[in-house]
Each structure stands twice: as structure tokens, then as C-alpha cells.
Amino acid sequence: MDGVTLHQLHCLDAVVGEGGFQAGAARLGRTHSTVFTAIKNLEAQLGLRLLDRQGYRVSLTDAGRSFHDRTRVFLHEFGQLRNHARQLAMGEESELHVVIGDLCPLPEVLGLLRRFFDGCPGTRLHLHFEALSGPAERLFDGEADLIIHHIDKSDLRLEFIDLFTGTLIPVVAPNFLPFPISDAITPDQMRDHVQCVIRDTARHSVAHDYYLIEGARSWTVNDQLMKKEIILQGMGWGHMATFLIGDELRDRRLLSIAGRHLRGGGGEIVAARRRDSPHGPIANRLWQHIAEQAAGLAKAVKARAGSGIAAFATSRHGSRQKKAAGSLPPP
């Protein structure tokens, strides 16, 4: 192993991962000849033939497969060591960037952050508010140290802390619909009515439109509070988080149209950050603070959403009773 370099090991890993020298060189930002020479020298130093170059795509020999398995472990551990060294050298951060997603209850989440940053007067907090795919994009673009949003939990690049589950239900204002409200309303019946949706703030990722009825007229807004006001004004309908509309459901300024065909949904909100990025001492203390406060945050969010869920359940139960008695709920 004398003389073997990290450059050679990275070249081997890139060629194997991409299936060829040209693609591997492109991944590393190197020339084809540089990568080819690095692996050729590596094989000479080891006295092993690592790659079979006879086919259309290069492949590992048996010895190469075994060596590459150990190489990947080594490169991962080296990356962790490098990040740890960066963390030790960083000192306390002068600023942190936190992205809050559109389905977060702001009083509870901002309260959690305030309690932490009150004790860190030397660190400036940059708060950003993003929707749908925006938070994850900011994290992967290196523009956020931490996000509070829903994520793909199967993505091994991320570590996360479970916080709470948000419930979304479709709602309308009274008199918005020209037909009685029941649990049998279909997407076809809603197609001619304006649907209000949140604009995805992602800049280059694939945009997502959740719960959007194909072919329906739709208006897009930047945030949940604007969406709520539009629905309250009878200008459209849409899915809202129950923690935002508890009072409106209870006093029937908003009515749920969730049922057999329009079911609503939910999402798991987490605090998430990159595993492969260095985190300074303030970021790590914030992470620990969130972990310690997660149960209390979940309890507070559930309490606020509970009034909305209870009002929704009561209104649906009352509607079924009226329907069974031969009368329809008020529009």
C-alpha cells in the first residue's frame, strides 16, 4: 500500500460508480487520462488487476470488488474525520441559517428557536420561509444549516428529529358551493371551482402540486395565511392544516368537505440537516435543544390542532345525523 493516494482511491470509486472512465472523470472534474493513469498506477502499486476493461462498460474483477468495498468504507470514514476536523476548527458560528416550511405552526416553532437563541447573543439567526420542495432544496444547495419541514426519510444524506404530524383537510367557506356539503363530494364536482394552492418555492427542483385536481382552475399563493384568507373570503377552496383553522372550523366560518373521495392527508414534520456537512458547536447545541424540546413541541401543536380536529369531527357527525333525519346540513 506504500504510495497509494486518496486521489487514486477517489478515481477508482468514481469509475466504478459511474460505470466508465469518462463518466468517472466528469464526476471528479478531472480529465479522462488523469483518471485512467491514476487507476493504472494504483493497480501496479497493489500488484492487483482491479478492473476488467474488456466489456462495453468497465467492471470490477473479484479482487477489485473486494478492494472497492473496503475503499468505500475508508473514504466514508475519512470524510467523517475531515468534517470533524472542520468542526473543531470552526469555533462558535457567527450566524446560522434555518428554513421553516409552510406547514409549521409559527408560534410554537419560533418560540422553540427564541428560547435557544436568547442564550446565543453572539450568533445571528437568519430565518427563511419556504414551501413544498423549497426547504429541502435550500438544504442540499448549502443555503441552510437546518430545516423544519417534511422530508424523504429514506434519503440517507439526511439525519432528522421527529417533531409532530400535521393534518390537512379540504375546506370551503359557507355558501361557496352551489350544492349541499356531504362526505360524498367528488373531485369532478369540485373541478369547476377555483382551487387555492401554495406556490412551490423550489428554484430548480421539480415542482410539486399536492392535492391539485387535474383540469381545475387554480390560484397560487405564497403562504398558508394568504391561502386561508382567500378561502375565508369565498374566493376558492383548498387543503389547510388543522392547527391554522381550529377557530374557523369551530364557529363554522370554514366547513370541511373531506370524505370518501376528498380525504385530505397529513405529513410528518421533522428537523433535518445534512449528515455529510460539518456542524459547528452552536449548530450542534441547537440540534440537541430541538431533540430535548421535541416532545413538548409535539404536545403544544397537538393541543392547538385538537380544537380544529374536534370541531371537524363534531361537524361531520352532526352532518350525518341531519342527513339520516332527512335534512341536509346548512350550506
Foldseek 3Di string as FASTA:
>chain_A
DPPQDPVLLQLLLLLAVQQHLCRSCVVVVHDSVVSVVSPVVVCVVVVHDAWDPPDPTIHGDPVNVVVNVVSVVVVVVVLVVVLVVVQVPPADAQEFEEEEEQQDDPVLVVVLVCVLCVVVVRYHYHYHYFYDCVVVLCQVVVNHQKYWFFDDVVPPQKDWAFFAKWFKFKKAFFPLAPDFAAQPDALVSQQAFEAEFEFGPDDPDDTDTPPDRPNHHYDYDHHQVVVVVCRLVSRGIYMHTLLVCLVCLQVRRMATRHHDHRPTGMGTIIMMHGPSHHDYPSSVVSVVSCNVCRVVSRVVSCVSSVSSVVSRVVVNVVQVVQVVVPHGDRD
